[in-house]
C-alpha atoms as a PDB file:
ATOM      1  CA  MET A   1     -29.677 -75.262  15.604  1.00  0.00           C
ATOM      2  CA  PHE A   2     -28.428 -77.279  12.498  1.00  0.00           C
ATOM      3  CA  PRO A   3     -30.784 -76.053   9.586  1.00  0.00           C
ATOM      4  CA  TYR A   4     -31.039 -79.437   8.318  1.00  0.00           C
ATOM      5  CA  PRO A   5     -30.919 -82.022  11.222  1.00  0.00           C
ATOM      6  CA  PHE A   6     -31.100 -85.311   8.934  1.00  0.00           C
ATOM      7  CA  LEU A   7     -28.164 -84.550   7.281  1.00  0.00           C
ATOM      8  CA  ARG A   8     -26.357 -84.930  10.252  1.00  0.00           C
ATOM      9  CA  CYS A   9     -26.597 -88.457   9.730  1.00  0.00           C
ATOM     10  CA  MET A  10     -25.784 -88.661   6.242  1.00  0.00           C
ATOM     11  CA  ASN A  11     -21.972 -89.676   4.501  1.00  0.00           C
ATOM     12  CA  PHE A  12     -21.149 -87.682   1.687  1.00  0.00           C
ATOM     13  CA  ARG A  13     -18.548 -90.485   0.894  1.00  0.00           C
ATOM     14  CA  MET A  14     -19.708 -93.656   0.304  1.00  0.00           C
ATOM     15  CA  ASP A  15     -18.389 -96.540   2.310  1.00  0.00           C
ATOM     16  CA  LYS A  16     -14.869 -97.708   0.650  1.00  0.00           C
ATOM     17  CA  LYS A  17     -15.356-101.475   0.296  1.00  0.00           C
ATOM     18  CA  LEU A  18     -19.150-100.944  -0.976  1.00  0.00           C
ATOM     19  CA  VAL A  19     -17.566 -98.620  -4.127  1.00  0.00           C
ATOM     20  CA  GLN A  20     -15.132-101.510  -4.449  1.00  0.00           C
ATOM     21  CA  LEU A  21     -18.144-104.054  -5.025  1.00  0.00           C
ATOM     22  CA  LEU A  22     -20.088-101.828  -7.171  1.00  0.00           C
ATOM     23  CA  PRO A  23     -19.704-101.279 -11.190  1.00  0.00           C
ATOM     24  CA  ILE A  24     -17.641 -97.957 -11.938  1.00  0.00           C
ATOM     25  CA  LYS A  25     -21.168 -96.920 -14.029  1.00  0.00           C
ATOM     26  CA  LEU A  26     -23.647 -98.148 -11.178  1.00  0.00           C
ATOM     27  CA  SER A  27     -21.667 -96.358  -8.349  1.00  0.00           C
ATOM     28  CA  ASN A  28     -21.224 -92.746 -10.656  1.00  0.00           C
ATOM     29  CA  ASN A  29     -24.919 -92.955 -10.994  1.00  0.00           C
ATOM     30  CA  ILE A  30     -26.016 -93.317  -7.180  1.00  0.00           C
ATOM     31  CA  HIS A  31     -23.026 -90.474  -6.279  1.00  0.00           C
ATOM     32  CA  GLY A  32     -24.992 -88.404  -8.986  1.00  0.00           C
ATOM     33  CA  PHE A  33     -28.137 -89.267  -7.533  1.00  0.00           C
ATOM     34  CA  LEU A  34     -27.353 -88.544  -3.981  1.00  0.00           C
ATOM     35  CA  ARG A  35     -25.828 -85.089  -5.016  1.00  0.00           C
ATOM     36  CA  LYS A  36     -29.202 -84.002  -7.214  1.00  0.00           C
ATOM     37  CA  PHE A  37     -31.188 -85.066  -3.753  1.00  0.00           C
ATOM     38  CA  LEU A  38     -29.290 -83.039  -1.379  1.00  0.00           C
ATOM     39  CA  PHE A  39     -28.735 -80.384  -3.740  1.00  0.00           C
ATOM     40  CA  LYS A  40     -32.854 -80.239  -3.994  1.00  0.00           C
ATOM     41  CA  VAL A  41     -32.852 -80.051  -0.449  1.00  0.00           C
ATOM     42  CA  LEU A  42     -30.550 -76.967  -0.039  1.00  0.00           C
ATOM     43  CA  SER A  43     -32.680 -75.087  -2.892  1.00  0.00           C
ATOM     44  CA  PHE A  44     -35.446 -74.931  -0.567  1.00  0.00           C
ATOM     45  CA  GLY A  45     -33.544 -71.798   1.632  1.00  0.00           C
ATOM     46  CA  PRO A  46     -31.997 -69.291   0.174  1.00  0.00           C
ATOM     47  CA  MET A  47     -28.875 -69.958  -2.557  1.00  0.00           C
ATOM     48  CA  PRO A  48     -25.947 -68.120  -2.826  1.00  0.00           C
ATOM     49  CA  LYS A  49     -25.430 -66.625  -6.102  1.00  0.00           C
ATOM     50  CA  HIS A  50     -21.465 -65.972  -6.187  1.00  0.00           C
ATOM     51  CA  ILE A  51     -18.431 -67.862  -4.261  1.00  0.00           C
ATOM     52  CA  ALA A  52     -15.173 -67.178  -4.343  1.00  0.00           C
ATOM     53  CA  PHE A  53     -12.295 -68.975  -3.416  1.00  0.00           C
ATOM     54  CA  ILE A  54      -8.782 -68.275  -1.999  1.00  0.00           C
ATOM     55  CA  LEU A  55      -6.795 -71.133  -3.534  1.00  0.00           C
ATOM     56  CA  ASP A  56      -4.473 -71.693  -0.229  1.00  0.00           C
ATOM     57  CA  GLY A  57      -2.182 -74.554   0.552  1.00  0.00           C
ATOM     58  CA  ASN A  58      -1.274 -76.454  -2.937  1.00  0.00           C
ATOM     59  CA  ARG A  59       2.325 -75.958  -2.120  1.00  0.00           C
ATOM     60  CA  ARG A  60       1.692 -77.376   1.349  1.00  0.00           C
ATOM     61  CA  TYR A  61      -0.173 -80.421  -0.067  1.00  0.00           C
ATOM     62  CA  GLY A  62       3.221 -81.195  -1.914  1.00  0.00           C
ATOM     63  CA  LYS A  63       5.166 -81.222   0.720  1.00  0.00           C
ATOM     64  CA  LYS A  64       2.633 -83.252   2.975  1.00  0.00           C
ATOM     65  CA  TRP A  65       2.566 -86.152   0.333  1.00  0.00           C
ATOM     66  CA  ASN A  66       6.466 -85.268  -0.838  1.00  0.00           C
ATOM     67  CA  LEU A  67       5.323 -84.773  -4.720  1.00  0.00           C
ATOM     68  CA  THR A  68       7.623 -82.942  -7.133  1.00  0.00           C
ATOM     69  CA  GLU A  69       7.614 -78.899  -7.440  1.00  0.00           C
ATOM     70  CA  GLY A  70       4.533 -78.207  -9.469  1.00  0.00           C
ATOM     71  CA  GLU A  71       2.402 -81.354  -8.816  1.00  0.00           C
ATOM     72  CA  GLY A  72       0.395 -79.935  -5.787  1.00  0.00           C
ATOM     73  CA  HIS A  73      -0.642 -76.781  -7.929  1.00  0.00           C
ATOM     74  CA  GLU A  74      -1.583 -79.843 -10.712  1.00  0.00           C
ATOM     75  CA  ARG A  75      -3.829 -81.404  -8.013  1.00  0.00           C
ATOM     76  CA  GLY A  76      -5.324 -77.910  -7.203  1.00  0.00           C
ATOM     77  CA  PHE A  77      -5.948 -77.469 -10.541  1.00  0.00           C
ATOM     78  CA  CYS A  78      -7.664 -81.072 -10.945  1.00  0.00           C
ATOM     79  CA  ASN A  79     -10.006 -80.631  -7.593  1.00  0.00           C
ATOM     80  CA  LEU A  80     -10.795 -76.553  -9.200  1.00  0.00           C
ATOM     81  CA  MET A  81     -12.622 -78.689 -12.079  1.00  0.00           C
ATOM     82  CA  THR A  82     -14.307 -80.975  -9.519  1.00  0.00           C
ATOM     83  CA  ILE A  83     -15.674 -77.960  -7.334  1.00  0.00           C
ATOM     84  CA  LEU A  84     -16.678 -76.015 -10.784  1.00  0.00           C
ATOM     85  CA  ASN A  85     -18.632 -79.177 -11.504  1.00  0.00           C
ATOM     86  CA  TYR A  86     -20.310 -78.982  -8.097  1.00  0.00           C
ATOM     87  CA  VAL A  87     -21.429 -75.295  -8.075  1.00  0.00           C
ATOM     88  CA  HIS A  88     -22.602 -75.864 -11.501  1.00  0.00           C
ATOM     89  CA  GLU A  89     -24.963 -78.461 -10.568  1.00  0.00           C
ATOM     90  CA  MET A  90     -25.719 -76.426  -7.426  1.00  0.00           C
ATOM     91  CA  LYS A  91     -26.953 -73.671  -9.839  1.00  0.00           C
ATOM     92  CA  PHE A  92     -24.358 -70.985  -8.776  1.00  0.00           C
ATOM     93  CA  GLN A  93     -23.966 -68.054 -11.352  1.00  0.00           C
ATOM     94  CA  TYR A  94     -20.576 -66.471 -10.968  1.00  0.00           C
ATOM     95  CA  VAL A  95     -17.307 -68.478  -9.246  1.00  0.00           C
ATOM     96  CA  THR A  96     -14.146 -66.308  -8.447  1.00  0.00           C
ATOM     97  CA  VAL A  97     -10.820 -67.716  -7.787  1.00  0.00           C
ATOM     98  CA  TYR A  98      -7.502 -65.740  -6.279  1.00  0.00           C
ATOM     99  CA  ALA A  99      -5.145 -67.416  -8.853  1.00  0.00           C
ATOM    100  CA  PHE A 100      -1.975 -65.548  -8.419  1.00  0.00           C
ATOM    101  CA  SER A 101      -1.446 -61.945  -6.441  1.00  0.00           C
ATOM    102  CA  ILE A 102       0.722 -59.612  -7.627  1.00  0.00           C
ATOM    103  CA  ASP A 103       2.844 -60.222  -4.553  1.00  0.00           C
ATOM    104  CA  ASN A 104       3.489 -63.738  -5.589  1.00  0.00           C
ATOM    105  CA  PHE A 105       5.709 -62.173  -7.839  1.00  0.00           C
ATOM    106  CA  ARG A 106       8.229 -61.601  -5.029  1.00  0.00           C
ATOM    107  CA  ARG A 107       8.668 -65.290  -4.824  1.00  0.00           C
ATOM    108  CA  LYS A 108      11.894 -66.967  -6.441  1.00  0.00           C
ATOM    109  CA  ALA A 109      12.104 -66.186 -10.029  1.00  0.00           C
ATOM    110  CA  GLU A 110      12.048 -69.951 -10.992  1.00  0.00           C
ATOM    111  CA  GLU A 111       8.834 -70.382  -8.810  1.00  0.00           C
ATOM    112  CA  VAL A 112       7.091 -67.994 -10.202  1.00  0.00           C
ATOM    113  CA  GLN A 113       8.045 -69.226 -13.716  1.00  0.00           C
ATOM    114  CA  LEU A 114       7.052 -72.437 -12.266  1.00  0.00           C
ATOM    115  CA  LEU A 115       3.625 -71.363 -11.693  1.00  0.00           C
ATOM    116  CA  MET A 116       3.346 -68.977 -14.855  1.00  0.00           C
ATOM    117  CA  ARG A 117       4.005 -72.120 -17.055  1.00  0.00           C
ATOM    118  CA  LEU A 118       1.771 -74.312 -15.148  1.00  0.00           C
ATOM    119  CA  ILE A 119      -0.992 -71.980 -15.499  1.00  0.00           C
ATOM    120  CA  LYS A 120      -0.555 -71.134 -19.258  1.00  0.00           C
ATOM    121  CA  GLU A 121      -0.564 -74.874 -19.658  1.00  0.00           C
ATOM    122  CA  LYS A 122      -4.359 -75.397 -18.267  1.00  0.00           C
ATOM    123  CA  MET A 123      -5.025 -72.199 -20.375  1.00  0.00           C
ATOM    124  CA  ASP A 124      -3.590 -73.679 -23.626  1.00  0.00           C
ATOM    125  CA  ALA A 125      -5.374 -77.191 -22.657  1.00  0.00           C
ATOM    126  CA  LEU A 126      -9.095 -75.538 -21.916  1.00  0.00           C
ATOM    127  CA  VAL A 127      -8.542 -73.916 -25.653  1.00  0.00           C
ATOM    128  CA  GLU A 128      -7.864 -77.051 -27.551  1.00  0.00           C
ATOM    129  CA  ASP A 129      -9.828 -79.223 -25.350  1.00  0.00           C
ATOM    130  CA  LYS A 130     -13.569 -76.672 -24.484  1.00  0.00           C
ATOM    131  CA  SER A 131     -15.146 -79.651 -23.712  1.00  0.00           C
ATOM    132  CA  MET A 132     -15.130 -78.794 -20.507  1.00  0.00           C
ATOM    133  CA  ALA A 133     -16.218 -75.675 -20.747  1.00  0.00           C
ATOM    134  CA  ASP A 134     -18.866 -76.232 -22.864  1.00  0.00           C
ATOM    135  CA  LYS A 135     -20.248 -79.168 -21.349  1.00  0.00           C
ATOM    136  CA  LEU A 136     -21.012 -76.876 -17.792  1.00  0.00           C
ATOM    137  CA  GLY A 137     -21.612 -73.740 -20.027  1.00  0.00           C
ATOM    138  CA  ILE A 138     -18.521 -71.618 -18.221  1.00  0.00           C
ATOM    139  CA  ARG A 139     -17.319 -67.914 -19.613  1.00  0.00           C
ATOM    140  CA  ILE A 140     -13.956 -67.353 -18.304  1.00  0.00           C
ATOM    141  CA  GLU A 141     -12.920 -63.907 -17.606  1.00  0.00           C
ATOM    142  CA  PHE A 142      -9.293 -62.781 -16.223  1.00  0.00           C
ATOM    143  CA  ILE A 143      -9.702 -60.267 -13.590  1.00  0.00           C
ATOM    144  CA  GLY A 144      -6.263 -57.918 -12.383  1.00  0.00           C
ATOM    145  CA  LYS A 145      -2.933 -55.924 -13.753  1.00  0.00           C
ATOM    146  CA  LEU A 146      -3.036 -58.480 -16.678  1.00  0.00           C
ATOM    147  CA  GLU A 147       0.139 -56.125 -18.321  1.00  0.00           C
ATOM    148  CA  LEU A 148       2.560 -57.997 -15.560  1.00  0.00           C
ATOM    149  CA  LEU A 149       1.729 -61.324 -17.225  1.00  0.00           C
ATOM    150  CA  ASP A 150       4.393 -62.520 -19.890  1.00  0.00           C
ATOM    151  CA  GLU A 151       3.365 -62.091 -23.615  1.00  0.00           C
ATOM    152  CA  SER A 152       2.479 -65.615 -24.199  1.00  0.00           C
ATOM    153  CA  VAL A 153       0.259 -65.795 -20.609  1.00  0.00           C
ATOM    154  CA  ARG A 154      -1.808 -63.025 -21.844  1.00  0.00           C
ATOM    155  CA  GLU A 155      -2.044 -64.340 -25.144  1.00  0.00           C
ATOM    156  CA  ALA A 156      -3.259 -67.314 -23.987  1.00  0.00           C
ATOM    157  CA  ALA A 157      -5.680 -65.627 -21.515  1.00  0.00           C
ATOM    158  CA  LYS A 158      -7.058 -63.670 -24.529  1.00  0.00           C
ATOM    159  CA  LYS A 159      -7.771 -67.021 -26.092  1.00  0.00           C
ATOM    160  CA  LEU A 160      -9.020 -68.469 -23.933  1.00  0.00           C
ATOM    161  CA  MET A 161     -11.860 -65.715 -22.759  1.00  0.00           C
ATOM    162  CA  LYS A 162     -12.726 -65.799 -26.702  1.00  0.00           C
ATOM    163  CA  THR A 163     -13.716 -69.135 -26.790  1.00  0.00           C
ATOM    164  CA  THR A 164     -15.628 -69.399 -23.770  1.00  0.00           C
ATOM    165  CA  GLU A 165     -17.264 -66.044 -24.751  1.00  0.00           C
ATOM    166  CA  LYS A 166     -20.797 -67.680 -25.878  1.00  0.00           C
ATOM    167  CA  ASN A 167     -21.228 -69.745 -22.749  1.00  0.00           C
ATOM    168  CA  ASP A 168     -24.033 -68.403 -20.216  1.00  0.00           C
ATOM    169  CA  GLN A 169     -24.726 -70.596 -17.589  1.00  0.00           C
ATOM    170  CA  LEU A 170     -21.619 -69.706 -15.043  1.00  0.00           C
ATOM    171  CA  VAL A 171     -19.227 -67.261 -15.351  1.00  0.00           C
ATOM    172  CA  LEU A 172     -15.351 -68.315 -13.998  1.00  0.00           C
ATOM    173  CA  LEU A 173     -13.758 -65.079 -12.894  1.00  0.00           C
ATOM    174  CA  VAL A 174      -9.895 -65.855 -12.022  1.00  0.00           C
ATOM    175  CA  SER A 175      -7.882 -63.106 -10.122  1.00  0.00           C
ATOM    176  CA  ILE A 176      -4.452 -63.114 -11.760  1.00  0.00           C
ATOM    177  CA  ALA A 177      -1.914 -60.239 -11.141  1.00  0.00           C
ATOM    178  CA  TYR A 178      -4.197 -59.140  -8.487  1.00  0.00           C
ATOM    179  CA  THR A 179      -4.692 -57.526  -5.069  1.00  0.00           C
ATOM    180  CA  SER A 180      -7.680 -55.784  -3.740  1.00  0.00           C
ATOM    181  CA  THR A 181      -5.407 -52.674  -3.075  1.00  0.00           C
ATOM    182  CA  ASP A 182      -4.155 -52.522  -6.655  1.00  0.00           C
ATOM    183  CA  GLU A 183      -7.814 -52.808  -7.754  1.00  0.00           C
ATOM    184  CA  ILE A 184      -8.937 -49.877  -5.911  1.00  0.00           C
ATOM    185  CA  VAL A 185      -6.376 -47.396  -6.864  1.00  0.00           C
ATOM    186  CA  HIS A 186      -6.937 -48.632 -10.481  1.00  0.00           C
ATOM    187  CA  GLY A 187     -10.934 -47.141  -9.989  1.00  0.00           C
ATOM    188  CA  ILE A 188      -9.552 -43.924  -8.788  1.00  0.00           C
ATOM    189  CA  GLU A 189      -7.693 -43.372 -11.675  1.00  0.00           C
ATOM    190  CA  ARG A 190      -9.961 -44.401 -13.425  1.00  0.00           C
ATOM    191  CA  SER A 191     -12.545 -42.374 -12.076  1.00  0.00           C
ATOM    192  CA  CYS A 192     -10.376 -38.841 -11.931  1.00  0.00           C
ATOM    193  CA  MET A 193      -9.570 -39.301 -15.753  1.00  0.00           C
ATOM    194  CA  GLU A 194     -13.479 -39.275 -16.161  1.00  0.00           C
ATOM    195  CA  VAL A 195     -14.176 -36.717 -13.784  1.00  0.00           C
ATOM    196  CA  ARG A 196     -11.808 -34.355 -15.566  1.00  0.00           C
ATOM    197  CA  ASP A 197     -13.364 -35.093 -19.093  1.00  0.00           C
ATOM    198  CA  GLU A 198     -16.480 -33.546 -17.482  1.00  0.00           C
ATOM    199  CA  ASP A 199     -17.571 -29.543 -18.032  1.00  0.00           C
ATOM    200  CA  ASP A 200     -20.146 -29.438 -15.256  1.00  0.00           C
ATOM    201  CA  ASP A 201     -19.397 -28.645 -11.668  1.00  0.00           C
ATOM    202  CA  ASP A 202     -21.144 -31.622 -10.231  1.00  0.00           C
ATOM    203  CA  GLY A 203     -18.897 -33.742 -12.222  1.00  0.00           C
ATOM    204  CA  MET A 204     -15.835 -32.902 -10.295  1.00  0.00           C
ATOM    205  CA  MET A 205     -16.724 -34.860  -7.040  1.00  0.00           C
ATOM    206  CA  ILE A 206     -15.960 -39.094  -7.614  1.00  0.00           C
ATOM    207  CA  LYS A 207     -19.011 -41.044  -6.679  1.00  0.00           C
ATOM    208  CA  VAL A 208     -19.178 -44.389  -5.015  1.00  0.00           C
ATOM    209  CA  VAL A 209     -20.807 -45.598  -7.856  1.00  0.00           C
ATOM    210  CA  ASP A 210     -18.419 -44.274 -10.009  1.00  0.00           C
ATOM    211  CA  LEU A 211     -15.822 -45.998  -8.774  1.00  0.00           C
ATOM    212  CA  GLU A 212     -17.248 -49.266  -8.175  1.00  0.00           C
ATOM    213  CA  LYS A 213     -17.954 -49.548 -11.789  1.00  0.00           C
ATOM    214  CA  ASN A 214     -14.404 -48.523 -12.587  1.00  0.00           C
ATOM    215  CA  MET A 215     -12.853 -51.253 -10.589  1.00  0.00           C
ATOM    216  CA  TYR A 216     -11.801 -54.456 -12.076  1.00  0.00           C
ATOM    217  CA  PHE A 217     -14.876 -56.186 -10.836  1.00  0.00           C
ATOM    218  CA  GLY A 218     -17.532 -53.640 -11.663  1.00  0.00           C
ATOM    219  CA  GLY A 219     -20.470 -54.993 -13.435  1.00  0.00           C
ATOM    220  CA  TYR A 220     -20.328 -58.161 -11.353  1.00  0.00           C
ATOM    221  CA  PRO A 221     -22.226 -59.042  -8.021  1.00  0.00           C
ATOM    222  CA  ASP A 222     -20.179 -59.089  -4.875  1.00  0.00           C
ATOM    223  CA  PRO A 223     -19.586 -62.491  -3.871  1.00  0.00           C
ATOM    224  CA  ASP A 224     -21.844 -64.043  -0.632  1.00  0.00           C
ATOM    225  CA  ILE A 225     -19.208 -66.803   0.276  1.00  0.00           C
ATOM    226  CA  LEU A 226     -15.689 -66.825   0.615  1.00  0.00           C
ATOM    227  CA  VAL A 227     -13.888 -69.861   0.985  1.00  0.00           C
ATOM    228  CA  ARG A 228     -10.426 -69.631   2.154  1.00  0.00           C
ATOM    229  CA  THR A 229      -8.913 -73.698   2.830  1.00  0.00           C
ATOM    230  CA  SER A 230      -6.031 -74.380   5.104  1.00  0.00           C
ATOM    231  CA  GLY A 231      -7.801 -72.213   8.175  1.00  0.00           C
ATOM    232  CA  GLU A 232      -6.168 -68.764   7.339  1.00  0.00           C
ATOM    233  CA  THR A 233      -9.072 -66.408   8.038  1.00  0.00           C
ATOM    234  CA  ARG A 234      -6.591 -63.720   6.319  1.00  0.00           C
ATOM    235  CA  LEU A 235      -8.492 -62.097   3.101  1.00  0.00           C
ATOM    236  CA  SER A 236      -4.521 -61.495   2.361  1.00  0.00           C
ATOM    237  CA  ASN A 237      -6.035 -58.859  -0.120  1.00  0.00           C
ATOM    238  CA  PHE A 238      -8.656 -60.229  -2.046  1.00  0.00           C
ATOM    239  CA  LEU A 239     -11.955 -58.339  -2.920  1.00  0.00           C
ATOM    240  CA  LEU A 240     -11.583 -56.078   0.432  1.00  0.00           C
ATOM    241  CA  TRP A 241     -13.776 -53.770  -1.285  1.00  0.00           C
ATOM    242  CA  GLN A 242     -16.690 -56.267  -2.252  1.00  0.00           C
ATOM    243  CA  THR A 243     -16.805 -58.757   0.954  1.00  0.00           C
ATOM    244  CA  LYS A 244     -18.509 -56.299   3.624  1.00  0.00           C
ATOM    245  CA  GLY A 245     -22.013 -58.704   3.448  1.00  0.00           C
ATOM    246  CA  CYS A 246     -19.839 -61.588   3.020  1.00  0.00           C
ATOM    247  CA  LEU A 247     -19.790 -65.200   4.787  1.00  0.00           C
ATOM    248  CA  LEU A 248     -16.376 -65.892   5.393  1.00  0.00           C
ATOM    249  CA  TYR A 249     -15.863 -69.575   5.523  1.00  0.00           C
ATOM    250  CA  ALA A 250     -12.311 -71.487   6.446  1.00  0.00           C
ATOM    251  CA  PRO A 251     -11.965 -74.803   6.530  1.00  0.00           C
ATOM    252  CA  SER A 252      -8.562 -76.882   7.697  1.00  0.00           C
ATOM    253  CA  CYS A 253      -8.264 -78.279   4.431  1.00  0.00           C
ATOM    254  CA  LEU A 254      -5.897 -77.595   1.647  1.00  0.00           C
ATOM    255  CA  TRP A 255      -7.405 -76.691  -1.545  1.00  0.00           C
ATOM    256  CA  PRO A 256      -6.237 -79.859  -3.168  1.00  0.00           C
ATOM    257  CA  GLU A 257      -8.503 -81.519  -0.382  1.00  0.00           C
ATOM    258  CA  ILE A 258     -11.647 -79.839  -0.578  1.00  0.00           C
ATOM    259  CA  SER A 259     -14.250 -81.473  -1.351  1.00  0.00           C
ATOM    260  CA  LEU A 260     -18.135 -81.676  -1.601  1.00  0.00           C
ATOM    261  CA  ARG A 261     -19.287 -81.584   1.928  1.00  0.00           C
ATOM    262  CA  HIS A 262     -17.190 -78.522   2.605  1.00  0.00           C
ATOM    263  CA  LEU A 263     -19.066 -76.646  -0.193  1.00  0.00           C
ATOM    264  CA  VAL A 264     -22.368 -78.102   1.327  1.00  0.00           C
ATOM    265  CA  TRP A 265     -21.219 -77.165   5.042  1.00  0.00           C
ATOM    266  CA  ALA A 266     -20.386 -73.338   3.410  1.00  0.00           C
ATOM    267  CA  VAL A 267     -23.758 -72.645   1.997  1.00  0.00           C
ATOM    268  CA  LEU A 268     -25.588 -74.611   5.054  1.00  0.00           C
ATOM    269  CA  LYS A 269     -23.802 -71.869   7.076  1.00  0.00           C
ATOM    270  CA  TYR A 270     -25.064 -69.327   4.565  1.00  0.00           C
ATOM    271  CA  GLN A 271     -28.739 -70.172   4.925  1.00  0.00           C
ATOM    272  CA  ARG A 272     -27.819 -70.077   8.897  1.00  0.00           C
ATOM    273  CA  ARG A 273     -26.732 -66.750   8.710  1.00  0.00           C
ATOM    274  CA  PHE A 274     -28.609 -64.769   5.951  1.00  0.00           C
ATOM    275  CA  SER A 275     -30.832 -62.607   7.321  1.00  0.00           C
ATOM    276  CA  TYR A 276     -27.822 -60.940   9.424  1.00  0.00           C
ATOM    277  CA  LEU A 277     -26.090 -60.750   6.353  1.00  0.00           C
ATOM    278  CA  GLU A 278     -28.811 -59.312   3.957  1.00  0.00           C
ATOM    279  CA  ARG A 279     -29.086 -56.653   6.926  1.00  0.00           C
ATOM    280  CA  ILE A 280     -25.388 -55.820   6.722  1.00  0.00           C
ATOM    281  CA  LYS A 281     -25.426 -55.181   3.119  1.00  0.00           C
ATOM    282  CA  LYS A 282     -28.434 -53.127   3.590  1.00  0.00           C
ATOM    283  CA  GLN A 283     -26.197 -50.428   5.928  1.00  0.00           C
END
């Protein structure tokens, strides 16, 4: 049964003709009021704290609309900023995005260079103009095997993390040069190094809690919702360890097309299955 039946009749996008007749400021105010009302209704149910996204479909979006190379990823970044604004209003505490996989390094050298250049440009832009991050209180952390990145990209990531380190309203975890298998291996290696330094016999055993502590995502809560756009249900080596009790939502839209209605629907599905997900986590 639909969790909130009256939401069936709510149109998440105002009629285009009506928007054209309204002053831009008034239109924005109406949109803002409706969003706040909708988020208030959602808050009466159990709200997720951590949502993760696999940003799938940027290249296909570019081909679909005959855009120049890299422009699909540009549109995807712009949409990410919009989604971050929504999740901030919904009072999420953590957002994780799968920005670049270790496996992506196998793509054509020209494509990898293009993506790295785009990523660095966005990092530099957020450092130079930190109004967006400060307005939403976003602290940005980069997760993964960062030594695989070019030095210039690593330095840009360090500057951005330093610039936003005092923000405390929303944590954005950017998985770059990341795969889940690499994260698990990293956790095992670090745990073995700690065990080797232990003197007592009991310290020779690696415990799950020690392994999780030494993984890239150690210290952060597991995601409550994992969204993969373009309709794919594969995890693609992303957060395999952390998604046992996580809702997987796979809308058919491409990443640059994801919107508020998809985000709201993901939360409604989470609320509908909350009890089941909580039982899974406790097993």
